[in-house]
Amino acid sequence: MRRLDLVVVVLYLIAVAVTGLRLAGRQTSAKDYFVGAGRLPWWTVSFSVVATETSVLTVISVPGGAYGGQDFGNVELALGYVVGRVVVAAVLIPLYQRGGFVSAYQYLGSRFGRRLQGLASVTFIGTRLLAEGVRLFASAIPIRLLLDEFGVHPGYRTIIVVLTAITVVYTYLGGIKAVIWTDALQMSLYLGGALLAVAVLSARVGGAGFAGALHAGRFRLFDTDFGPAHILTSPFALPTAIVGGALFAMASHGCDQLIVQRVLATRSLSDGRRAMIASGIFVTIQFAAFSLVGALLWSYHQGRSARQLGLGGTDDLYPDFILHGLPVVISGLLVAGILGAAMGSLSSALNSMADSTVADLLHSFFRRTPSEAALLRLARAATLLWAALMAVFACAFSTGTGNVYLTGLTIAGYTYGALLGAFLLGRLVRRAGETDSVVAFLVTVGVMTYVVREVRIDVTSGGTTVPTALAAQWLVPLGVAVTLAVGGVLSLLHRAPRAPGRTPGTGGPGPATERFTTAADRD
């Protein structure tokens, strides 16, 4: 019977590639390739944003976390993320839309100059290559376990290469249109799978199961421990989740090209704002559905630990239920949904990295405006390059040592504060010039590297004191504070810069962006 599940998975992978190419249409320009010429519906873009930030680890870890004691803490986090996205929709998206940009970092080029634009782009590409390479390998771990149940025993490298190859087909040919439409399909599948699992589990545990989970605290939403050490180190402490989460979302969704690129593909400023805010609502619903799966699994298994169930950890609970608690074909569809989560985040990363490569880096070397055909060829070549490097990195990591999950979580902490800080420096400190911004950016990355790697706070739990790192949400405001402080002080040491033809901070296109955007806007 498992062969039917395997057939479903294979057919799904083929269908995703074909559907993405058919919906994408023909790409005729770099702007079409990167932002769909600004013609995509806001709701598909919103789904794509959610799929982009959702990995296989999210799909399996949120139910496991709810089962193991995090309860509905991820929903609490999502509420903070909604607040941050509202701020991004109100403040940052208008800058990008008015400037006609295809990259978030073109604003930095128009405000400060090419050096900071290039530095931000290199930082984004390097961070994304590391983060997505780790995420790609980490995704191969549960996928391998699921395929083992089907009687297929591939190695990690085989899974990585196959996932990358299938994803790059529609990403290379279809551009952002293919990425966004397939993201919407994949999100619908894995979220629909979670809702189906909720329905099946509800029928099996009944009202008594809900009451038992409620009594055990599995539906607890807010963490109201206001101890200073807890607030600084726990991502689920209420101030950390709401305040820190909002600031983290401002960086991840307002300054990270991975997300901004999707919003720039909408038809208008109002549509871009709708897509951004709706993505926060959809993420909240998604986290609630996965958390509910975890709470009901707790009742289904009568609160037994993962070890008592013969599993390696709480992250194995949802995949185990998919394979052994659902009918054949249905379980195949849900496994396909987990594959879709991996492919959605990978395709988004490849297209956004290619976008930043062409729009922020390569265009600086053009003495004359390239043709649309030349820009499109560069875009596709960059997509292939980053796909190959990402697969190589992920394969190399699979033979290494270390905790890949924790490695992936800490990468954003090095750079998000510097990126958001650079944008705020441009908006808030009129005197700041290019040198001020570059020095502040580099100093912030250095300071945050020290904080992430070295700073620990003693947290006492159960009579044991454990040195614990700062919660990821607080890394962003700390990085922003360093950038504004350094940039602000440096700006006082010289005369206010003059920029002929534009006012600093207005966000209008300057020399760093006009060649690329003009060429792209001619179609």
Protein backbone atom coordinates (compact mmCIF):
# COMPACT_ATOMS: atom_id res chain seq x y z
CA MET A 1 0.00 0.00 0.00
CA ARG A 2 2.96 2.31 0.59
CA ARG A 3 3.58 2.25 -3.15
CA LEU A 4 0.42 4.32 -3.62
CA ASP A 5 1.79 6.95 -1.25
CA LEU A 6 5.07 6.98 -3.18
CA VAL A 7 3.20 7.39 -6.48
CA VAL A 8 1.33 10.36 -4.98
CA VAL A 9 4.61 12.00 -3.94
CA VAL A 10 6.20 11.52 -7.37
CA LEU A 11 3.13 12.81 -9.20
CA TYR A 12 3.05 15.83 -6.91
CA LEU A 13 6.67 16.73 -7.65
CA ILE A 14 6.00 16.53 -11.39
CA ALA A 15 2.77 18.52 -11.06
CA VAL A 16 4.48 21.33 -9.15
CA ALA A 17 7.12 21.82 -11.83
CA VAL A 18 4.61 21.69 -14.70
CA THR A 19 2.06 23.94 -12.95
CA GLY A 20 4.69 26.51 -12.08
CA LEU A 21 5.89 26.74 -15.68
CA ARG A 22 2.38 26.95 -17.15
CA LEU A 23 1.25 29.67 -14.76
CA ALA A 24 4.46 31.66 -15.16
CA GLY A 25 4.11 32.29 -18.87
CA ARG A 26 7.02 33.55 -20.93
CA GLN A 27 9.64 35.79 -19.35
CA THR A 28 10.67 38.70 -21.60
CA SER A 29 12.62 41.00 -19.25
CA ALA A 30 14.58 41.02 -16.04
CA LYS A 31 11.79 42.95 -14.32
CA ASP A 32 9.32 40.29 -15.42
CA TYR A 33 11.68 37.60 -14.14
CA PHE A 34 12.24 39.22 -10.75
CA VAL A 35 8.96 40.97 -9.85
CA GLY A 36 6.52 39.65 -12.47
CA ALA A 37 6.38 43.16 -13.99
CA GLY A 38 4.24 44.08 -10.96
CA ARG A 39 1.18 42.16 -12.13
CA LEU A 40 0.65 39.41 -9.52
CA PRO A 41 -2.47 39.22 -7.28
CA TRP A 42 -1.89 40.23 -3.68
CA TRP A 43 -3.31 37.04 -2.20
CA THR A 44 -0.92 34.77 -4.13
CA VAL A 45 1.97 37.00 -3.06
CA SER A 46 0.79 36.76 0.54
CA PHE A 47 0.71 32.96 0.33
CA SER A 48 4.20 33.04 -1.19
CA VAL A 49 5.52 35.14 1.71
CA VAL A 50 4.17 32.55 4.16
CA ALA A 51 5.59 29.63 2.16
CA THR A 52 8.95 31.39 1.89
CA GLU A 53 9.32 31.72 5.66
CA THR A 54 8.02 28.19 6.32
CA SER A 55 10.49 25.33 6.21
CA VAL A 56 10.15 21.61 6.82
CA LEU A 57 11.39 22.25 10.34
CA THR A 58 8.47 24.62 10.96
CA VAL A 59 5.96 22.04 9.76
CA ILE A 60 7.23 19.32 12.08
CA SER A 61 8.63 21.38 14.98
CA VAL A 62 5.59 23.51 15.83
CA PRO A 63 3.40 20.44 16.54
CA GLY A 64 6.31 18.88 18.42
CA GLY A 65 6.81 22.04 20.44
CA ALA A 66 3.15 22.24 21.38
CA TYR A 67 3.29 18.59 22.48
CA GLY A 68 6.48 19.09 24.49
CA GLY A 69 5.57 22.20 26.52
CA GLN A 70 5.74 25.23 24.22
CA ASP A 71 1.94 24.99 24.01
CA PHE A 72 0.54 27.79 21.79
CA GLY A 73 3.66 29.93 22.24
CA ASN A 74 4.27 30.05 18.49
CA VAL A 75 0.87 31.72 18.04
CA GLU A 76 1.97 34.33 20.58
CA LEU A 77 5.10 34.91 18.47
CA ALA A 78 2.96 35.33 15.37
CA LEU A 79 0.99 38.12 17.03
CA GLY A 80 4.22 40.09 17.42
CA TYR A 81 5.08 39.38 13.80
CA VAL A 82 1.72 40.85 12.71
CA VAL A 83 2.55 44.11 14.50
CA GLY A 84 5.92 44.30 12.76
CA ARG A 85 4.38 43.67 9.33
CA VAL A 86 1.88 46.46 9.83
CA VAL A 87 4.79 48.85 10.45
CA VAL A 88 6.60 47.55 7.35
CA ALA A 89 3.44 48.03 5.26
CA ALA A 90 3.06 51.61 6.49
CA VAL A 91 6.69 52.80 6.40
CA LEU A 92 8.97 50.73 4.14
CA ILE A 93 6.85 49.34 1.32
CA PRO A 94 5.96 52.86 0.03
CA LEU A 95 9.70 53.59 -0.30
CA TYR A 96 10.23 50.60 -2.57
CA GLN A 97 7.07 51.08 -4.63
CA ARG A 98 7.64 54.81 -5.25
CA GLY A 99 11.24 54.20 -6.28
CA GLY A 100 10.28 51.56 -8.85
CA PHE A 101 12.83 49.21 -7.30
CA VAL A 102 13.23 45.47 -7.86
CA SER A 103 15.53 45.12 -4.84
CA ALA A 104 15.19 46.44 -1.29
CA TYR A 105 18.84 47.49 -1.33
CA GLN A 106 18.37 49.89 -4.23
CA TYR A 107 16.91 52.28 -1.66
CA LEU A 108 20.22 52.19 0.21
CA GLY A 109 21.99 52.91 -3.06
CA SER A 110 19.79 55.93 -3.76
CA ARG A 111 20.18 57.24 -0.21
CA PHE A 112 23.83 56.47 0.56
CA GLY A 113 25.53 55.25 -2.61
CA ARG A 114 26.69 52.08 -4.29
CA ARG A 115 29.12 50.95 -1.61
CA LEU A 116 26.44 50.42 1.02
CA GLN A 117 24.05 48.96 -1.55
CA GLY A 118 26.68 46.44 -2.62
CA LEU A 119 27.67 45.70 0.99
CA ALA A 120 24.05 45.05 1.98
CA SER A 121 23.56 42.83 -1.07
CA VAL A 122 26.71 40.80 -0.38
CA THR A 123 25.62 40.45 3.25
CA PHE A 124 22.17 39.27 2.18
CA ILE A 125 23.52 36.78 -0.39
CA GLY A 126 26.12 35.37 2.00
CA THR A 127 23.65 35.07 4.86
CA ARG A 128 21.00 33.52 2.62
CA LEU A 129 23.47 31.03 1.13
CA LEU A 130 24.46 29.86 4.59
CA ALA A 131 20.94 29.86 6.04
CA GLU A 132 19.29 28.13 3.06
CA GLY A 133 22.12 25.63 2.70
CA VAL A 134 21.69 24.62 6.34
CA ARG A 135 17.89 24.61 5.94
CA LEU A 136 18.14 22.45 2.80
CA PHE A 137 20.22 19.83 4.57
CA ALA A 138 18.08 19.98 7.72
CA SER A 139 15.00 19.44 5.54
CA ALA A 140 16.56 16.30 4.09
CA ILE A 141 16.66 14.67 7.55
CA PRO A 142 12.88 14.15 8.10
CA ILE A 143 12.33 13.61 4.35
CA ARG A 144 14.78 10.70 4.45
CA LEU A 145 12.95 9.19 7.42
CA LEU A 146 9.62 9.51 5.62
CA LEU A 147 10.94 7.92 2.42
CA ASP A 148 12.45 5.07 4.44
CA GLU A 149 8.89 4.19 5.46
CA PHE A 150 7.99 3.94 1.75
CA GLY A 151 10.78 1.44 1.16
CA VAL A 152 12.97 4.05 -0.57
CA HIS A 153 16.38 4.59 1.05
CA PRO A 154 18.14 7.58 -0.50
CA GLY A 155 21.13 9.31 1.07
CA TYR A 156 21.01 12.93 2.19
CA ARG A 157 22.97 14.05 -0.85
CA THR A 158 20.55 12.33 -3.22
CA ILE A 159 17.57 14.09 -1.58
CA ILE A 160 19.36 17.45 -1.72
CA VAL A 161 20.27 17.09 -5.40
CA VAL A 162 16.79 15.89 -6.45
CA LEU A 163 14.99 18.66 -4.53
CA THR A 164 17.34 21.29 -5.94
CA ALA A 165 17.05 19.96 -9.51
CA ILE A 166 13.25 19.92 -9.52
CA THR A 167 13.03 23.34 -7.89
CA VAL A 168 15.55 24.97 -10.21
CA VAL A 169 13.63 23.83 -13.32
CA TYR A 170 10.63 26.06 -12.72
CA THR A 171 12.63 28.76 -10.92
CA TYR A 172 15.10 29.07 -13.83
CA LEU A 173 12.48 29.16 -16.57
CA GLY A 174 9.49 30.75 -14.85
CA GLY A 175 11.09 33.34 -12.58
CA ILE A 176 9.15 34.95 -9.74
CA LYS A 177 5.75 34.12 -11.28
CA ALA A 178 6.49 30.39 -11.15
CA VAL A 179 7.90 30.72 -7.63
CA ILE A 180 4.89 32.61 -6.27
CA TRP A 181 2.22 30.41 -7.87
CA THR A 182 3.91 27.18 -6.77
CA ASP A 183 4.42 28.64 -3.28
CA ALA A 184 0.68 29.30 -3.08
CA LEU A 185 -0.03 25.70 -4.14
CA GLN A 186 2.44 24.25 -1.66
CA MET A 187 1.20 26.37 1.24
CA SER A 188 -2.37 25.28 0.53
CA LEU A 189 -1.27 21.64 0.64
CA TYR A 190 0.69 21.61 3.89
CA LEU A 191 -1.80 23.90 5.68
CA GLY A 192 -4.71 21.84 4.36
CA GLY A 193 -2.88 18.74 5.59
CA ALA A 194 -2.64 20.22 9.08
CA LEU A 195 -6.37 20.99 9.10
CA LEU A 196 -7.08 17.44 7.93
CA ALA A 197 -4.92 16.06 10.74
CA VAL A 198 -6.86 18.24 13.22
CA ALA A 199 -10.14 16.81 11.92
CA VAL A 200 -8.94 13.21 12.20
CA LEU A 201 -7.45 13.71 15.66
CA SER A 202 -10.57 15.54 16.90
CA ALA A 203 -12.71 12.59 15.87
CA ARG A 204 -10.42 10.16 17.68
CA VAL A 205 -9.90 12.00 20.98
CA GLY A 206 -13.36 13.61 21.22
CA GLY A 207 -14.39 16.26 23.72
CA ALA A 208 -12.56 14.49 26.53
CA GLY A 209 -9.31 14.84 24.61
CA PHE A 210 -9.78 18.58 24.22
CA ALA A 211 -10.63 18.90 27.93
CA GLY A 212 -7.55 16.89 28.93
CA ALA A 213 -5.23 18.98 26.78
CA LEU A 214 -6.77 22.19 28.14
CA HIS A 215 -6.37 21.00 31.74
CA ALA A 216 -2.73 20.09 31.06
CA GLY A 217 -2.04 23.61 29.76
CA ARG A 218 -1.48 22.61 26.14
CA PHE A 219 -3.65 25.53 24.95
CA ARG A 220 -1.74 28.17 26.97
CA LEU A 221 -1.18 31.18 24.71
CA PHE A 222 0.77 33.78 26.73
CA ASP A 223 3.94 33.24 28.76
CA THR A 224 3.54 35.66 31.68
CA ASP A 225 6.84 34.97 33.43
CA PHE A 226 8.28 38.52 33.67
CA GLY A 227 11.61 37.64 35.26
CA PRO A 228 14.37 39.72 33.57
CA ALA A 229 16.50 36.68 32.69
CA HIS A 230 13.49 34.87 31.27
CA ILE A 231 12.46 37.86 29.16
CA LEU A 232 15.97 38.22 27.72
CA THR A 233 16.46 34.55 26.87
CA SER A 234 13.07 32.99 26.15
CA PRO A 235 11.50 33.64 22.71
CA PHE A 236 8.08 32.95 24.25
CA ALA A 237 8.15 35.49 27.11
CA LEU A 238 5.31 37.94 26.43
CA PRO A 239 7.44 41.11 25.97
CA THR A 240 9.94 39.18 23.85
CA ALA A 241 7.25 37.68 21.63
CA ILE A 242 5.28 40.90 21.07
CA VAL A 243 7.84 43.72 21.22
CA GLY A 244 10.92 41.78 20.16
CA GLY A 245 8.89 39.81 17.61
CA ALA A 246 7.58 43.01 16.03
CA LEU A 247 11.10 44.41 15.65
CA PHE A 248 12.39 41.10 14.30
CA ALA A 249 9.58 41.08 11.70
CA MET A 250 10.46 44.64 10.67
CA ALA A 251 13.94 43.38 9.76
CA SER A 252 12.98 40.03 8.26
CA HIS A 253 10.04 41.38 6.23
CA GLY A 254 11.11 44.95 5.59
CA CYS A 255 14.84 44.67 4.87
CA ASP A 256 15.38 41.10 3.70
CA GLN A 257 15.25 40.85 -0.09
CA LEU A 258 13.84 37.33 0.27
CA ILE A 259 10.51 38.80 1.42
CA VAL A 260 10.58 42.30 -0.07
CA GLN A 261 10.94 40.93 -3.60
CA ARG A 262 7.58 39.17 -3.32
CA VAL A 263 5.77 42.29 -2.20
CA LEU A 264 7.25 44.27 -5.10
CA ALA A 265 5.57 41.82 -7.49
CA THR A 266 2.09 43.12 -6.56
CA ARG A 267 0.08 45.46 -8.79
CA SER A 268 0.01 48.52 -6.54
CA LEU A 269 1.09 49.98 -3.20
CA SER A 270 -2.26 49.07 -1.62
CA ASP A 271 -1.92 45.49 -2.88
CA GLY A 272 1.61 45.28 -1.48
CA ARG A 273 0.36 46.43 1.90
CA ARG A 274 -2.50 43.91 1.80
CA ALA A 275 -0.08 41.09 0.94
CA MET A 276 2.27 41.99 3.80
CA ILE A 277 -0.41 42.32 6.51
CA ALA A 278 -2.38 39.29 5.29
CA SER A 279 0.78 37.16 5.42
CA GLY A 280 0.97 37.84 9.15
CA ILE A 281 -2.66 36.76 9.58
CA PHE A 282 -2.05 33.59 7.55
CA VAL A 283 1.07 32.77 9.57
CA THR A 284 -0.93 33.13 12.78
CA ILE A 285 -3.58 30.74 11.42
CA GLN A 286 -0.85 28.35 10.29
CA PHE A 287 0.86 28.33 13.70
CA ALA A 288 -2.50 27.87 15.40
CA ALA A 289 -3.30 24.86 13.18
CA PHE A 290 0.08 23.20 13.76
CA SER A 291 -0.06 23.93 17.50
CA LEU A 292 -3.54 22.40 17.66
CA VAL A 293 -2.17 19.29 15.95
CA GLY A 294 0.46 19.06 18.72
CA ALA A 295 -2.08 19.55 21.52
CA LEU A 296 -4.39 16.88 20.09
CA LEU A 297 -1.47 14.50 19.55
CA TRP A 298 -0.75 14.93 23.27
CA SER A 299 -4.27 13.68 24.05
CA TYR A 300 -4.06 10.99 21.35
CA HIS A 301 -0.90 9.58 22.95
CA GLN A 302 -2.17 10.28 26.49
CA GLY A 303 0.76 12.52 27.30
CA ARG A 304 3.45 9.86 26.88
CA SER A 305 6.94 11.09 26.05
CA ALA A 306 8.47 10.64 22.62
CA ARG A 307 10.90 8.11 24.07
CA GLN A 308 8.04 6.06 25.54
CA LEU A 309 6.49 6.01 22.06
CA GLY A 310 9.72 4.71 20.56
CA LEU A 311 10.49 7.99 18.78
CA GLY A 312 13.70 10.00 18.70
CA GLY A 313 12.11 13.26 19.81
CA THR A 314 9.01 15.44 19.68
CA ASP A 315 9.80 16.47 16.09
CA ASP A 316 9.07 12.88 15.05
CA LEU A 317 5.48 12.95 16.39
CA TYR A 318 3.73 14.64 13.45
CA PRO A 319 5.57 12.67 10.72
CA ASP A 320 4.84 9.45 12.64
CA PHE A 321 1.13 10.28 12.76
CA ILE A 322 1.10 11.12 9.05
CA LEU A 323 2.59 7.73 8.21
CA HIS A 324 0.74 5.54 10.68
CA GLY A 325 -2.40 7.45 11.67
CA LEU A 326 -3.79 8.51 8.30
CA PRO A 327 -5.16 6.50 5.36
CA VAL A 328 -2.98 5.61 2.39
CA VAL A 329 -2.87 8.33 -0.31
CA ILE A 330 -3.82 10.95 2.31
CA SER A 331 -0.51 10.30 4.07
CA GLY A 332 1.22 10.51 0.68
CA LEU A 333 -0.32 13.95 0.10
CA LEU A 334 0.87 15.20 3.48
CA VAL A 335 4.38 13.90 2.84
CA ALA A 336 4.21 15.78 -0.47
CA GLY A 337 3.22 18.87 1.53
CA ILE A 338 6.37 18.54 3.63
CA LEU A 339 8.41 18.30 0.43
CA GLY A 340 6.56 21.37 -0.81
CA ALA A 341 7.64 23.34 2.25
CA ALA A 342 11.27 22.56 1.44
CA MET A 343 10.88 23.45 -2.24
CA GLY A 344 8.98 26.67 -1.50
CA SER A 345 11.70 28.15 0.70
CA LEU A 346 14.43 26.99 -1.71
CA SER A 347 12.85 28.46 -4.87
CA SER A 348 12.22 31.78 -3.14
CA ALA A 349 15.82 32.00 -1.97
CA LEU A 350 17.24 31.23 -5.42
CA ASN A 351 15.17 33.88 -7.20
CA SER A 352 15.82 36.58 -4.61
CA MET A 353 19.57 35.90 -4.57
CA ALA A 354 19.65 36.15 -8.39
CA ASP A 355 17.66 39.39 -8.16
CA SER A 356 20.08 40.97 -5.71
CA THR A 357 23.07 39.75 -7.74
CA VAL A 358 21.86 41.48 -10.91
CA ALA A 359 20.11 44.55 -9.47
CA ASP A 360 22.56 45.39 -6.68
CA LEU A 361 25.93 44.05 -7.82
CA LEU A 362 26.33 43.42 -11.53
CA HIS A 363 24.60 46.59 -12.71
CA SER A 364 27.39 48.66 -11.15
CA PHE A 365 29.80 47.29 -13.74
CA PHE A 366 27.65 48.19 -16.75
CA ARG A 367 28.99 51.19 -18.68
CA ARG A 368 26.01 51.06 -21.01
CA THR A 369 22.51 49.88 -20.26
CA PRO A 370 22.29 46.17 -21.22
CA SER A 371 19.42 44.91 -23.33
CA GLU A 372 16.48 43.14 -21.70
CA ALA A 373 17.63 39.86 -23.27
CA ALA A 374 21.09 40.29 -21.71
CA LEU A 375 19.66 41.08 -18.27
CA LEU A 376 17.37 38.05 -18.47
CA ARG A 377 20.32 35.81 -19.38
CA LEU A 378 22.27 37.17 -16.41
CA ALA A 379 19.29 36.55 -14.12
CA ARG A 380 18.98 32.91 -15.17
CA ALA A 381 22.73 32.34 -14.99
CA ALA A 382 22.76 33.72 -11.43
CA THR A 383 19.88 31.37 -10.52
CA LEU A 384 21.87 28.34 -11.73
CA LEU A 385 25.01 29.53 -9.96
CA TRP A 386 23.35 29.93 -6.57
CA ALA A 387 21.43 26.65 -6.93
CA ALA A 388 24.68 24.78 -7.53
CA LEU A 389 26.51 26.50 -4.67
CA MET A 390 23.61 25.96 -2.27
CA ALA A 391 23.43 22.25 -3.09
CA VAL A 392 27.21 21.89 -2.72
CA PHE A 393 27.14 23.66 0.63
CA ALA A 394 24.24 21.53 1.89
CA CYS A 395 25.95 18.31 0.75
CA ALA A 396 29.21 19.33 2.39
CA PHE A 397 27.40 20.14 5.61
CA SER A 398 25.84 16.68 5.70
CA THR A 399 29.25 15.16 6.35
CA GLY A 400 30.13 17.63 9.08
CA THR A 401 29.28 17.84 12.73
CA GLY A 402 27.22 20.17 14.84
CA ASN A 403 23.62 21.06 15.47
CA VAL A 404 22.28 22.15 12.08
CA TYR A 405 19.02 23.43 13.52
CA LEU A 406 20.69 25.80 15.99
CA THR A 407 23.19 26.86 13.34
CA GLY A 408 20.36 27.89 11.05
CA LEU A 409 18.59 29.85 13.80
CA THR A 410 21.61 31.94 14.75
CA ILE A 411 22.63 33.10 11.25
CA ALA A 412 20.04 35.89 10.97
CA GLY A 413 21.21 37.36 14.28
CA TYR A 414 24.50 38.45 12.74
CA THR A 415 23.01 40.73 10.08
CA TYR A 416 19.33 41.64 10.58
CA GLY A 417 20.09 44.43 13.04
CA ALA A 418 22.64 45.99 10.68
CA LEU A 419 20.25 45.82 7.71
CA LEU A 420 17.29 47.38 9.53
CA GLY A 421 19.63 49.86 11.19
CA ALA A 422 20.94 51.02 7.79
CA PHE A 423 17.40 51.70 6.55
CA LEU A 424 16.49 53.60 9.72
CA LEU A 425 19.76 55.54 9.61
CA GLY A 426 18.83 56.72 6.13
CA ARG A 427 15.37 57.78 7.25
CA LEU A 428 16.13 59.26 10.67
CA VAL A 429 19.64 60.77 10.46
CA ARG A 430 19.66 63.33 7.66
CA ARG A 431 23.33 64.19 8.13
CA ALA A 432 24.52 60.60 7.71
CA GLY A 433 26.57 59.98 4.56
CA GLU A 434 27.89 56.95 2.75
CA THR A 435 31.05 56.51 4.83
CA ASP A 436 29.05 56.84 8.06
CA SER A 437 26.62 54.15 6.94
CA VAL A 438 29.29 51.72 5.75
CA VAL A 439 31.33 52.02 8.96
CA ALA A 440 28.20 51.71 11.13
CA PHE A 441 27.09 48.62 9.17
CA LEU A 442 30.47 46.87 9.54
CA VAL A 443 30.79 47.76 13.23
CA THR A 444 27.29 46.40 13.90
CA VAL A 445 28.03 43.08 12.19
CA GLY A 446 31.20 42.79 14.29
CA VAL A 447 29.41 43.61 17.54
CA MET A 448 26.55 41.20 16.78
CA THR A 449 29.01 38.43 15.94
CA TYR A 450 30.48 38.84 19.42
CA VAL A 451 27.03 38.97 21.06
CA VAL A 452 25.72 35.87 19.26
CA ARG A 453 28.83 33.81 19.93
CA GLU A 454 29.93 34.99 23.37
CA VAL A 455 27.21 36.72 25.41
CA ARG A 456 25.31 34.42 27.79
CA ILE A 457 22.89 35.06 30.66
CA ASP A 458 22.61 32.70 33.63
CA VAL A 459 19.11 31.22 33.79
CA THR A 460 18.07 29.12 36.79
CA SER A 461 15.53 26.35 36.22
CA GLY A 462 14.82 23.41 38.50
CA GLY A 463 17.71 24.37 40.76
CA THR A 464 20.21 24.32 37.89
CA THR A 465 21.86 27.43 36.45
CA VAL A 466 22.49 27.30 32.71
CA PRO A 467 24.29 29.99 30.61
CA THR A 468 21.74 30.90 27.89
CA ALA A 469 22.04 33.03 24.77
CA LEU A 470 19.88 36.09 24.15
CA ALA A 471 16.54 35.39 22.48
CA ALA A 472 16.80 35.97 18.72
CA GLN A 473 14.16 38.73 18.84
CA TRP A 474 16.39 40.98 20.97
CA LEU A 475 19.33 40.75 18.56
CA VAL A 476 17.58 43.02 16.05
CA PRO A 477 16.90 46.02 18.36
CA LEU A 478 20.42 45.70 19.77
CA GLY A 479 21.91 45.76 16.26
CA VAL A 480 19.72 48.71 15.26
CA ALA A 481 20.84 50.64 18.35
CA VAL A 482 24.51 50.05 17.50
CA THR A 483 24.03 51.14 13.87
CA LEU A 484 22.15 54.33 14.79
CA ALA A 485 24.62 55.19 17.54
CA VAL A 486 27.75 54.71 15.42
CA GLY A 487 26.26 56.28 12.29
CA GLY A 488 24.77 59.18 14.25
CA VAL A 489 28.05 60.00 16.03
CA LEU A 490 30.06 59.81 12.80
CA SER A 491 27.57 62.10 11.04
CA LEU A 492 28.34 64.85 13.58
CA LEU A 493 32.01 64.88 12.61
CA HIS A 494 31.51 66.36 9.14
CA ARG A 495 29.27 68.70 7.21
CA ALA A 496 25.88 67.45 6.07
CA PRO A 497 26.32 65.81 2.64
CA ARG A 498 24.82 67.35 -0.45
CA ALA A 499 23.27 65.11 -3.10
CA PRO A 500 22.61 67.01 -6.35
CA GLY A 501 19.31 66.19 -7.98
CA ARG A 502 17.68 64.54 -4.98
CA THR A 503 17.07 65.03 -1.28
CA PRO A 504 18.69 62.51 1.06
CA GLY A 505 16.18 60.14 2.56
CA THR A 506 13.47 60.69 -0.02
CA GLY A 507 13.91 57.25 -1.51
CA GLY A 508 13.97 58.52 -5.08
CA PRO A 509 16.07 56.62 -7.59
CA GLY A 510 19.61 57.90 -7.94
CA PRO A 511 22.64 56.98 -9.99
CA ALA A 512 23.00 53.63 -8.27
CA THR A 513 19.64 52.40 -9.50
CA GLU A 514 18.44 54.37 -12.47
CA ARG A 515 20.22 52.32 -15.15
CA PHE A 516 18.77 49.02 -14.10
CA THR A 517 15.26 50.24 -13.34
CA THR A 518 15.07 52.29 -16.53
CA ALA A 519 16.01 49.30 -18.64
CA ALA A 520 13.52 47.12 -16.82
CA ASP A 521 10.70 49.64 -17.06
CA ARG A 522 10.84 49.90 -20.84
CA ASP A 523 8.90 46.66 -21.39
